[in-house]
């Protein structure tokens, strides 16, 4: 799906590489990468809990290299508008067809808007695809989807995409229903009561994550690299309106931004 969505952006490249590219890796390559990227200048250390912060810094300083090294510029490629391919397919050892329908969304620059955009996209996913959504209930009752169906909104540097998929005996019918429901929500607006339930559930999930030191550490680290304060999520929620979520569905989940990946049984 990522290969169908993107022309040049590095997000389209499988993170593990290929058998051929892995064969070309040498010890020198690994050491060069480690020296270039695994330096204090590229790191953030996040510690959560009742700790002595000065002692933590002393331990870190004793382990990490003294030289931070130069900053390594990132180049994700100049990405053209539109998708690279409308549809890609492959035959594999599966018992039922599987699909992912992706929408190539507008990327957001690092900063406070990054968190806000992430929350808006997440709520749009729940409203359109969640287990309680009208679309999910309708497709499930028709036998077109099963428990594997779902989706999400993902953001990375210079990259943002919305996807939905799972197993289905008629993948194209399901894909068309997803796009049709997005058009309906954009034209008619959201069900207010359902929107409020989704918003409160999303806020509750983030609030409950504060019970976990690990979740807090992950959130703070992600926020650092994306340029926002993760603990200010209540303010971000307060700044989001029902119309913001509707506008996301209207502007981002459109036919010209869509690409589908299909896996068919051999």
C-alpha atoms as a PDB file:
ATOM      1  CA  UNK A   1       0.000   0.000   0.000  1.00  0.00           C
ATOM      2  CA  UNK A   2       2.798   2.418   0.906  1.00  0.00           C
ATOM      3  CA  UNK A   3       4.480   1.714  -2.400  1.00  0.00           C
ATOM      4  CA  UNK A   4       1.224   2.518  -4.190  1.00  0.00           C
ATOM      5  CA  UNK A   5       0.678   5.752  -2.254  1.00  0.00           C
ATOM      6  CA  UNK A   6       4.146   7.283  -2.583  1.00  0.00           C
ATOM      7  CA  UNK A   7       6.343   8.099  -5.563  1.00  0.00           C
ATOM      8  CA  UNK A   8       9.648   9.010  -3.854  1.00  0.00           C
ATOM      9  CA  UNK A   9       9.115   9.433  -0.113  1.00  0.00           C
ATOM     10  CA  UNK A  10      11.250   6.991   1.862  1.00  0.00           C
ATOM     11  CA  UNK A  11       8.132   5.784   3.691  1.00  0.00           C
ATOM     12  CA  UNK A  12       7.459   3.576   0.658  1.00  0.00           C
ATOM     13  CA  UNK A  13      10.607   1.526   1.272  1.00  0.00           C
ATOM     14  CA  UNK A  14      10.201  -1.616   3.376  1.00  0.00           C
ATOM     15  CA  UNK A  15      12.055  -0.928   6.618  1.00  0.00           C
ATOM     16  CA  UNK A  16      13.818  -4.325   6.625  1.00  0.00           C
ATOM     17  CA  UNK A  17      15.029  -3.889   3.054  1.00  0.00           C
ATOM     18  CA  UNK A  18      15.154  -6.782   0.623  1.00  0.00           C
ATOM     19  CA  UNK A  19      17.060 -10.061   0.578  1.00  0.00           C
ATOM     20  CA  UNK A  20      19.419  -8.497  -1.966  1.00  0.00           C
ATOM     21  CA  UNK A  21      20.057  -5.320   0.047  1.00  0.00           C
ATOM     22  CA  UNK A  22      20.634  -7.278   3.257  1.00  0.00           C
ATOM     23  CA  UNK A  23      23.234  -9.431   1.493  1.00  0.00           C
ATOM     24  CA  UNK A  24      25.213  -6.270   0.658  1.00  0.00           C
ATOM     25  CA  UNK A  25      25.535  -5.165   4.315  1.00  0.00           C
ATOM     26  CA  UNK A  26      29.062  -5.447   5.711  1.00  0.00           C
ATOM     27  CA  UNK A  27      30.490  -4.933   9.185  1.00  0.00           C
ATOM     28  CA  UNK A  28      31.911  -1.603   7.982  1.00  0.00           C
ATOM     29  CA  UNK A  29      28.438  -0.471   6.896  1.00  0.00           C
ATOM     30  CA  UNK A  30      27.014  -1.236  10.341  1.00  0.00           C
ATOM     31  CA  UNK A  31      29.859   0.526  12.177  1.00  0.00           C
ATOM     32  CA  UNK A  32      29.617   3.557   9.881  1.00  0.00           C
ATOM     33  CA  UNK A  33      25.856   3.818  10.530  1.00  0.00           C
ATOM     34  CA  UNK A  34      26.378   3.453  14.265  1.00  0.00           C
ATOM     35  CA  UNK A  35      29.031   6.200  14.350  1.00  0.00           C
ATOM     36  CA  UNK A  36      26.867   8.513  12.222  1.00  0.00           C
ATOM     37  CA  UNK A  37      23.466   8.113  13.877  1.00  0.00           C
ATOM     38  CA  UNK A  38      23.862   6.598  17.370  1.00  0.00           C
ATOM     39  CA  UNK A  39      25.309   9.730  18.971  1.00  0.00           C
ATOM     40  CA  UNK A  40      24.081  12.073  21.733  1.00  0.00           C
ATOM     41  CA  UNK A  41      23.207  14.669  19.094  1.00  0.00           C
ATOM     42  CA  UNK A  42      20.620  12.270  17.682  1.00  0.00           C
ATOM     43  CA  UNK A  43      19.311  11.001  21.020  1.00  0.00           C
ATOM     44  CA  UNK A  44      16.909  11.917  23.772  1.00  0.00           C
ATOM     45  CA  UNK A  45      16.940  10.077  27.101  1.00  0.00           C
ATOM     46  CA  UNK A  46      13.515   9.941  28.751  1.00  0.00           C
ATOM     47  CA  UNK A  47      13.222   8.772  32.349  1.00  0.00           C
ATOM     48  CA  UNK A  48       9.889   8.627  34.194  1.00  0.00           C
ATOM     49  CA  UNK A  49       9.452   7.961  37.899  1.00  0.00           C
ATOM     50  CA  UNK A  50      10.771   8.899  41.317  1.00  0.00           C
ATOM     51  CA  UNK A  51      14.457   9.089  40.364  1.00  0.00           C
ATOM     52  CA  UNK A  52      17.495  11.233  41.096  1.00  0.00           C
ATOM     53  CA  UNK A  53      17.797  13.128  37.829  1.00  0.00           C
ATOM     54  CA  UNK A  54      21.393  14.217  38.512  1.00  0.00           C
ATOM     55  CA  UNK A  55      22.424  10.609  39.090  1.00  0.00           C
ATOM     56  CA  UNK A  56      20.695   9.567  35.861  1.00  0.00           C
ATOM     57  CA  UNK A  57      22.644  12.229  33.943  1.00  0.00           C
ATOM     58  CA  UNK A  58      25.904  11.089  35.520  1.00  0.00           C
ATOM     59  CA  UNK A  59      25.292   7.486  34.462  1.00  0.00           C
ATOM     60  CA  UNK A  60      24.324   8.544  30.933  1.00  0.00           C
ATOM     61  CA  UNK A  61      27.411  10.754  30.626  1.00  0.00           C
ATOM     62  CA  UNK A  62      29.648   7.879  31.689  1.00  0.00           C
ATOM     63  CA  UNK A  63      28.252   5.582  29.003  1.00  0.00           C
ATOM     64  CA  UNK A  64      27.572   7.796  25.990  1.00  0.00           C
ATOM     65  CA  UNK A  65      30.298   9.063  23.645  1.00  0.00           C
ATOM     66  CA  UNK A  66      31.770  12.433  24.602  1.00  0.00           C
ATOM     67  CA  UNK A  67      31.590  13.715  21.043  1.00  0.00           C
ATOM     68  CA  UNK A  68      28.083  14.325  19.817  1.00  0.00           C
ATOM     69  CA  UNK A  69      28.992  14.286  16.117  1.00  0.00           C
ATOM     70  CA  UNK A  70      27.485  16.428  13.338  1.00  0.00           C
ATOM     71  CA  UNK A  71      23.752  16.540  12.743  1.00  0.00           C
ATOM     72  CA  UNK A  72      22.731  14.217   9.910  1.00  0.00           C
ATOM     73  CA  UNK A  73      20.279  15.901   7.511  1.00  0.00           C
ATOM     74  CA  UNK A  74      17.194  13.873   6.573  1.00  0.00           C
ATOM     75  CA  UNK A  75      16.005  13.788   2.993  1.00  0.00           C
ATOM     76  CA  UNK A  76      12.613  12.136   2.513  1.00  0.00           C
ATOM     77  CA  UNK A  77      12.452  13.034  -1.164  1.00  0.00           C
ATOM     78  CA  UNK A  78      10.414  15.617  -3.057  1.00  0.00           C
ATOM     79  CA  UNK A  79       7.024  13.926  -3.124  1.00  0.00           C
ATOM     80  CA  UNK A  80       4.698  14.780  -6.037  1.00  0.00           C
ATOM     81  CA  UNK A  81       0.983  15.230  -5.454  1.00  0.00           C
ATOM     82  CA  UNK A  82      -1.284  12.278  -6.134  1.00  0.00           C
ATOM     83  CA  UNK A  83      -0.702   8.576  -5.637  1.00  0.00           C
ATOM     84  CA  UNK A  84       1.908   6.518  -7.471  1.00  0.00           C
ATOM     85  CA  UNK A  85      -0.501   3.696  -8.400  1.00  0.00           C
ATOM     86  CA  UNK A  86      -4.237   3.280  -8.000  1.00  0.00           C
ATOM     87  CA  UNK A  87      -4.016  -0.424  -7.198  1.00  0.00           C
ATOM     88  CA  UNK A  88      -1.396  -3.097  -6.638  1.00  0.00           C
ATOM     89  CA  UNK A  89      -2.064  -6.798  -6.137  1.00  0.00           C
ATOM     90  CA  UNK A  90      -0.205  -9.996  -5.355  1.00  0.00           C
ATOM     91  CA  UNK A  91      -1.124 -13.657  -5.061  1.00  0.00           C
ATOM     92  CA  UNK A  92      -0.022 -15.364  -1.861  1.00  0.00           C
ATOM     93  CA  UNK A  93      -0.867 -18.310   0.395  1.00  0.00           C
ATOM     94  CA  UNK A  94      -3.996 -16.837   1.999  1.00  0.00           C
ATOM     95  CA  UNK A  95      -7.396 -18.424   2.456  1.00  0.00           C
ATOM     96  CA  UNK A  96      -9.370 -15.234   1.769  1.00  0.00           C
ATOM     97  CA  UNK A  97      -8.611 -12.013  -0.123  1.00  0.00           C
ATOM     98  CA  UNK A  98      -7.075  -9.270   2.000  1.00  0.00           C
ATOM     99  CA  UNK A  99      -6.854  -5.551   1.267  1.00  0.00           C
ATOM    100  CA  UNK A 100      -5.647  -2.193   2.510  1.00  0.00           C
ATOM    101  CA  UNK A 101      -7.206   1.001   1.198  1.00  0.00           C
ATOM    102  CA  UNK A 102      -4.906   3.968   1.826  1.00  0.00           C
ATOM    103  CA  UNK A 103      -5.397   7.724   1.551  1.00  0.00           C
ATOM    104  CA  UNK A 104      -2.334   9.935   1.026  1.00  0.00           C
ATOM    105  CA  UNK A 105      -2.897  12.766   3.496  1.00  0.00           C
ATOM    106  CA  UNK A 106      -1.279  16.187   3.819  1.00  0.00           C
ATOM    107  CA  UNK A 107       1.810  15.995   6.081  1.00  0.00           C
ATOM    108  CA  UNK A 108       2.092  18.291   9.112  1.00  0.00           C
ATOM    109  CA  UNK A 109       5.266  20.106  10.145  1.00  0.00           C
ATOM    110  CA  UNK A 110       6.693  19.404  13.623  1.00  0.00           C
ATOM    111  CA  UNK A 111       5.123  21.480  16.407  1.00  0.00           C
ATOM    112  CA  UNK A 112       1.934  21.719  18.437  1.00  0.00           C
ATOM    113  CA  UNK A 113      -0.178  21.219  15.289  1.00  0.00           C
ATOM    114  CA  UNK A 114       1.384  17.766  14.895  1.00  0.00           C
ATOM    115  CA  UNK A 115      -0.362  16.509  18.056  1.00  0.00           C
ATOM    116  CA  UNK A 116      -3.624  18.221  17.125  1.00  0.00           C
ATOM    117  CA  UNK A 117      -3.596  16.699  13.645  1.00  0.00           C
ATOM    118  CA  UNK A 118      -2.875  13.255  15.070  1.00  0.00           C
ATOM    119  CA  UNK A 119      -5.890  13.498  17.398  1.00  0.00           C
ATOM    120  CA  UNK A 120      -8.179  14.691  14.590  1.00  0.00           C
ATOM    121  CA  UNK A 121      -7.119  11.830  12.308  1.00  0.00           C
ATOM    122  CA  UNK A 122      -7.553   9.288  15.099  1.00  0.00           C
ATOM    123  CA  UNK A 123     -11.099  10.443  15.816  1.00  0.00           C
ATOM    124  CA  UNK A 124     -11.910  10.423  12.092  1.00  0.00           C
ATOM    125  CA  UNK A 125     -10.763   6.796  11.984  1.00  0.00           C
ATOM    126  CA  UNK A 126     -13.002   5.834  14.914  1.00  0.00           C
ATOM    127  CA  UNK A 127     -15.999   7.681  13.451  1.00  0.00           C
ATOM    128  CA  UNK A 128     -15.633   6.087  10.038  1.00  0.00           C
ATOM    129  CA  UNK A 129     -14.248   2.625  10.818  1.00  0.00           C
ATOM    130  CA  UNK A 130     -14.711   1.900  14.538  1.00  0.00           C
ATOM    131  CA  UNK A 131     -16.619  -1.114  15.836  1.00  0.00           C
ATOM    132  CA  UNK A 132     -19.570   1.163  16.761  1.00  0.00           C
ATOM    133  CA  UNK A 133     -19.656   3.047  13.458  1.00  0.00           C
ATOM    134  CA  UNK A 134     -22.628   2.655  11.086  1.00  0.00           C
ATOM    135  CA  UNK A 135     -20.259   1.507   8.311  1.00  0.00           C
ATOM    136  CA  UNK A 136     -18.713  -1.264  10.419  1.00  0.00           C
ATOM    137  CA  UNK A 137     -22.108  -2.520  11.587  1.00  0.00           C
ATOM    138  CA  UNK A 138     -23.535  -2.511   8.065  1.00  0.00           C
ATOM    139  CA  UNK A 139     -20.585  -4.314   6.459  1.00  0.00           C
ATOM    140  CA  UNK A 140     -20.410  -6.849   9.279  1.00  0.00           C
ATOM    141  CA  UNK A 141     -24.120  -7.679   9.029  1.00  0.00           C
ATOM    142  CA  UNK A 142     -23.718  -8.149   5.261  1.00  0.00           C
ATOM    143  CA  UNK A 143     -20.865 -10.602   5.848  1.00  0.00           C
ATOM    144  CA  UNK A 144     -18.402  -8.418   3.913  1.00  0.00           C
ATOM    145  CA  UNK A 145     -15.970  -7.971   6.822  1.00  0.00           C
ATOM    146  CA  UNK A 146     -14.921  -9.858   9.953  1.00  0.00           C
ATOM    147  CA  UNK A 147     -13.004  -9.072  13.116  1.00  0.00           C
ATOM    148  CA  UNK A 148      -9.842  -8.368  11.122  1.00  0.00           C
ATOM    149  CA  UNK A 149     -11.327  -5.131   9.743  1.00  0.00           C
ATOM    150  CA  UNK A 150      -9.919  -1.863  11.030  1.00  0.00           C
ATOM    151  CA  UNK A 151      -7.765   1.114  10.247  1.00  0.00           C
ATOM    152  CA  UNK A 152      -5.886   4.116  11.609  1.00  0.00           C
ATOM    153  CA  UNK A 153      -4.277   7.461  10.838  1.00  0.00           C
ATOM    154  CA  UNK A 154      -0.470   7.504  10.908  1.00  0.00           C
ATOM    155  CA  UNK A 155       2.004  10.382  10.838  1.00  0.00           C
ATOM    156  CA  UNK A 156       5.755  10.417  10.263  1.00  0.00           C
ATOM    157  CA  UNK A 157       8.177  13.153   9.135  1.00  0.00           C
ATOM    158  CA  UNK A 158       6.891  14.537   5.817  1.00  0.00           C
ATOM    159  CA  UNK A 159       4.354  11.691   5.703  1.00  0.00           C
ATOM    160  CA  UNK A 160       0.739  11.170   6.729  1.00  0.00           C
ATOM    161  CA  UNK A 161      -1.699   8.502   5.626  1.00  0.00           C
ATOM    162  CA  UNK A 162      -5.072   7.024   6.577  1.00  0.00           C
ATOM    163  CA  UNK A 163      -5.777   3.356   5.933  1.00  0.00           C
ATOM    164  CA  UNK A 164      -8.476   0.717   6.347  1.00  0.00           C
ATOM    165  CA  UNK A 165      -8.597  -2.959   5.525  1.00  0.00           C
ATOM    166  CA  UNK A 166      -8.793  -6.592   6.488  1.00  0.00           C
ATOM    167  CA  UNK A 167     -10.131  -9.864   5.103  1.00  0.00           C
ATOM    168  CA  UNK A 168     -13.133  -9.827   2.766  1.00  0.00           C
ATOM    169  CA  UNK A 169     -14.741 -12.028   0.135  1.00  0.00           C
ATOM    170  CA  UNK A 170     -15.381  -8.830  -1.905  1.00  0.00           C
ATOM    171  CA  UNK A 171     -12.548  -6.375  -1.255  1.00  0.00           C
ATOM    172  CA  UNK A 172     -13.624  -3.895  -3.919  1.00  0.00           C
ATOM    173  CA  UNK A 173     -17.164  -3.669  -2.596  1.00  0.00           C
ATOM    174  CA  UNK A 174     -15.815  -2.887   0.888  1.00  0.00           C
ATOM    175  CA  UNK A 175     -13.382  -0.296  -0.473  1.00  0.00           C
ATOM    176  CA  UNK A 176     -16.170   1.445  -2.356  1.00  0.00           C
ATOM    177  CA  UNK A 177     -18.371   1.454   0.754  1.00  0.00           C
ATOM    178  CA  UNK A 178     -15.565   3.100   2.766  1.00  0.00           C
ATOM    179  CA  UNK A 179     -15.169   5.866   0.186  1.00  0.00           C
ATOM    180  CA  UNK A 180     -18.947   6.254  -0.086  1.00  0.00           C
ATOM    181  CA  UNK A 181     -19.310   6.621   3.693  1.00  0.00           C
ATOM    182  CA  UNK A 182     -16.518   9.220   3.767  1.00  0.00           C
ATOM    183  CA  UNK A 183     -18.347  11.227   1.110  1.00  0.00           C
ATOM    184  CA  UNK A 184     -21.594  10.975   3.080  1.00  0.00           C
ATOM    185  CA  UNK A 185     -20.029  12.211   6.319  1.00  0.00           C
ATOM    186  CA  UNK A 186     -18.356  15.064   4.465  1.00  0.00           C
ATOM    187  CA  UNK A 187     -21.643  16.120   2.839  1.00  0.00           C
ATOM    188  CA  UNK A 188     -24.134  15.487   5.668  1.00  0.00           C
ATOM    189  CA  UNK A 189     -21.925  16.089   8.692  1.00  0.00           C
ATOM    190  CA  UNK A 190     -21.280  13.907  11.727  1.00  0.00           C
ATOM    191  CA  UNK A 191     -23.786  12.466  14.152  1.00  0.00           C
ATOM    192  CA  UNK A 192     -23.247  14.776  17.132  1.00  0.00           C
ATOM    193  CA  UNK A 193     -23.946  12.210  19.853  1.00  0.00           C
ATOM    194  CA  UNK A 194     -21.644   9.642  18.205  1.00  0.00           C
ATOM    195  CA  UNK A 195     -18.934  12.284  17.778  1.00  0.00           C
ATOM    196  CA  UNK A 196     -19.116  13.163  21.482  1.00  0.00           C
ATOM    197  CA  UNK A 197     -18.797   9.500  22.459  1.00  0.00           C
ATOM    198  CA  UNK A 198     -15.772   9.067  20.193  1.00  0.00           C
ATOM    199  CA  UNK A 199     -14.147  12.262  21.505  1.00  0.00           C
ATOM    200  CA  UNK A 200     -14.627  11.269  25.149  1.00  0.00           C
ATOM    201  CA  UNK A 201     -13.350   7.751  24.474  1.00  0.00           C
ATOM    202  CA  UNK A 202     -10.220   9.103  22.750  1.00  0.00           C
ATOM    203  CA  UNK A 203      -9.554  11.504  25.632  1.00  0.00           C
ATOM    204  CA  UNK A 204     -10.135   8.724  28.175  1.00  0.00           C
ATOM    205  CA  UNK A 205      -7.658   6.449  26.418  1.00  0.00           C
ATOM    206  CA  UNK A 206      -4.938   9.107  26.608  1.00  0.00           C
ATOM    207  CA  UNK A 207      -5.786   9.876  30.222  1.00  0.00           C
ATOM    208  CA  UNK A 208      -5.560   6.187  31.193  1.00  0.00           C
ATOM    209  CA  UNK A 209      -2.144   5.968  29.519  1.00  0.00           C
ATOM    210  CA  UNK A 210      -0.879   8.285  32.274  1.00  0.00           C
ATOM    211  CA  UNK A 211      -1.134   5.274  34.612  1.00  0.00           C
ATOM    212  CA  UNK A 212       1.808   3.673  32.787  1.00  0.00           C
ATOM    213  CA  UNK A 213       5.385   4.917  33.183  1.00  0.00           C
ATOM    214  CA  UNK A 214       6.245   3.279  29.861  1.00  0.00           C
ATOM    215  CA  UNK A 215       3.379   5.022  28.029  1.00  0.00           C
ATOM    216  CA  UNK A 216       4.391   8.371  29.497  1.00  0.00           C
ATOM    217  CA  UNK A 217       8.011   7.840  28.434  1.00  0.00           C
ATOM    218  CA  UNK A 218       7.000   6.859  24.894  1.00  0.00           C
ATOM    219  CA  UNK A 219       4.652   9.873  24.599  1.00  0.00           C
ATOM    220  CA  UNK A 220       7.282  12.318  25.860  1.00  0.00           C
ATOM    221  CA  UNK A 221       9.901  10.907  23.485  1.00  0.00           C
ATOM    222  CA  UNK A 222       7.598  11.012  20.463  1.00  0.00           C
ATOM    223  CA  UNK A 223       6.608  14.565  21.378  1.00  0.00           C
ATOM    224  CA  UNK A 224      10.239  15.636  21.640  1.00  0.00           C
ATOM    225  CA  UNK A 225      11.082  14.490  18.125  1.00  0.00           C
ATOM    226  CA  UNK A 226       7.824  15.882  16.688  1.00  0.00           C
ATOM    227  CA  UNK A 227       8.162  19.237  18.445  1.00  0.00           C
ATOM    228  CA  UNK A 228       5.249  19.198  20.903  1.00  0.00           C
ATOM    229  CA  UNK A 229       4.628  18.709  24.615  1.00  0.00           C
ATOM    230  CA  UNK A 230       2.775  15.403  24.931  1.00  0.00           C
ATOM    231  CA  UNK A 231       1.403  16.300  28.377  1.00  0.00           C
ATOM    232  CA  UNK A 232      -0.578  19.177  26.891  1.00  0.00           C
ATOM    233  CA  UNK A 233      -2.997  16.817  25.131  1.00  0.00           C
ATOM    234  CA  UNK A 234      -6.013  18.127  27.148  1.00  0.00           C
ATOM    235  CA  UNK A 235      -5.475  21.575  25.601  1.00  0.00           C
ATOM    236  CA  UNK A 236      -5.172  20.012  22.163  1.00  0.00           C
ATOM    237  CA  UNK A 237      -8.498  18.210  22.633  1.00  0.00           C
ATOM    238  CA  UNK A 238     -10.150  21.452  23.787  1.00  0.00           C
ATOM    239  CA  UNK A 239      -9.078  23.127  20.540  1.00  0.00           C
ATOM    240  CA  UNK A 240     -10.675  20.497  18.263  1.00  0.00           C
ATOM    241  CA  UNK A 241     -14.225  20.912  16.993  1.00  0.00           C
ATOM    242  CA  UNK A 242     -16.659  18.587  15.280  1.00  0.00           C
ATOM    243  CA  UNK A 243     -16.185  20.628  12.106  1.00  0.00           C
ATOM    244  CA  UNK A 244     -12.411  20.050  12.237  1.00  0.00           C
ATOM    245  CA  UNK A 245     -12.941  16.285  12.073  1.00  0.00           C
ATOM    246  CA  UNK A 246     -15.516  16.625   9.313  1.00  0.00           C
ATOM    247  CA  UNK A 247     -13.120  18.838   7.323  1.00  0.00           C
ATOM    248  CA  UNK A 248     -10.393  16.192   7.665  1.00  0.00           C
ATOM    249  CA  UNK A 249     -12.715  13.539   6.208  1.00  0.00           C
ATOM    250  CA  UNK A 250     -13.857  15.895   3.436  1.00  0.00           C
ATOM    251  CA  UNK A 251     -10.393  17.085   2.387  1.00  0.00           C
ATOM    252  CA  UNK A 252      -8.188  14.047   2.985  1.00  0.00           C
ATOM    253  CA  UNK A 253     -10.313  10.944   2.319  1.00  0.00           C
ATOM    254  CA  UNK A 254     -10.990  11.640  -1.339  1.00  0.00           C
ATOM    255  CA  UNK A 255     -10.889   9.509  -4.457  1.00  0.00           C
ATOM    256  CA  UNK A 256      -7.815  11.221  -5.903  1.00  0.00           C
ATOM    257  CA  UNK A 257      -5.838  10.453  -2.722  1.00  0.00           C
ATOM    258  CA  UNK A 258      -6.788   6.755  -2.590  1.00  0.00           C
ATOM    259  CA  UNK A 259      -4.755   3.669  -3.482  1.00  0.00           C
ATOM    260  CA  UNK A 260      -5.516   0.015  -2.757  1.00  0.00           C
ATOM    261  CA  UNK A 261      -3.329  -3.012  -2.124  1.00  0.00           C
ATOM    262  CA  UNK A 262      -4.899  -6.451  -2.584  1.00  0.00           C
ATOM    263  CA  UNK A 263      -3.607  -9.909  -1.672  1.00  0.00           C
ATOM    264  CA  UNK A 264      -5.413 -12.712  -3.496  1.00  0.00           C
ATOM    265  CA  UNK A 265      -5.278 -16.471  -2.796  1.00  0.00           C
ATOM    266  CA  UNK A 266      -3.014 -18.435  -5.116  1.00  0.00           C
END
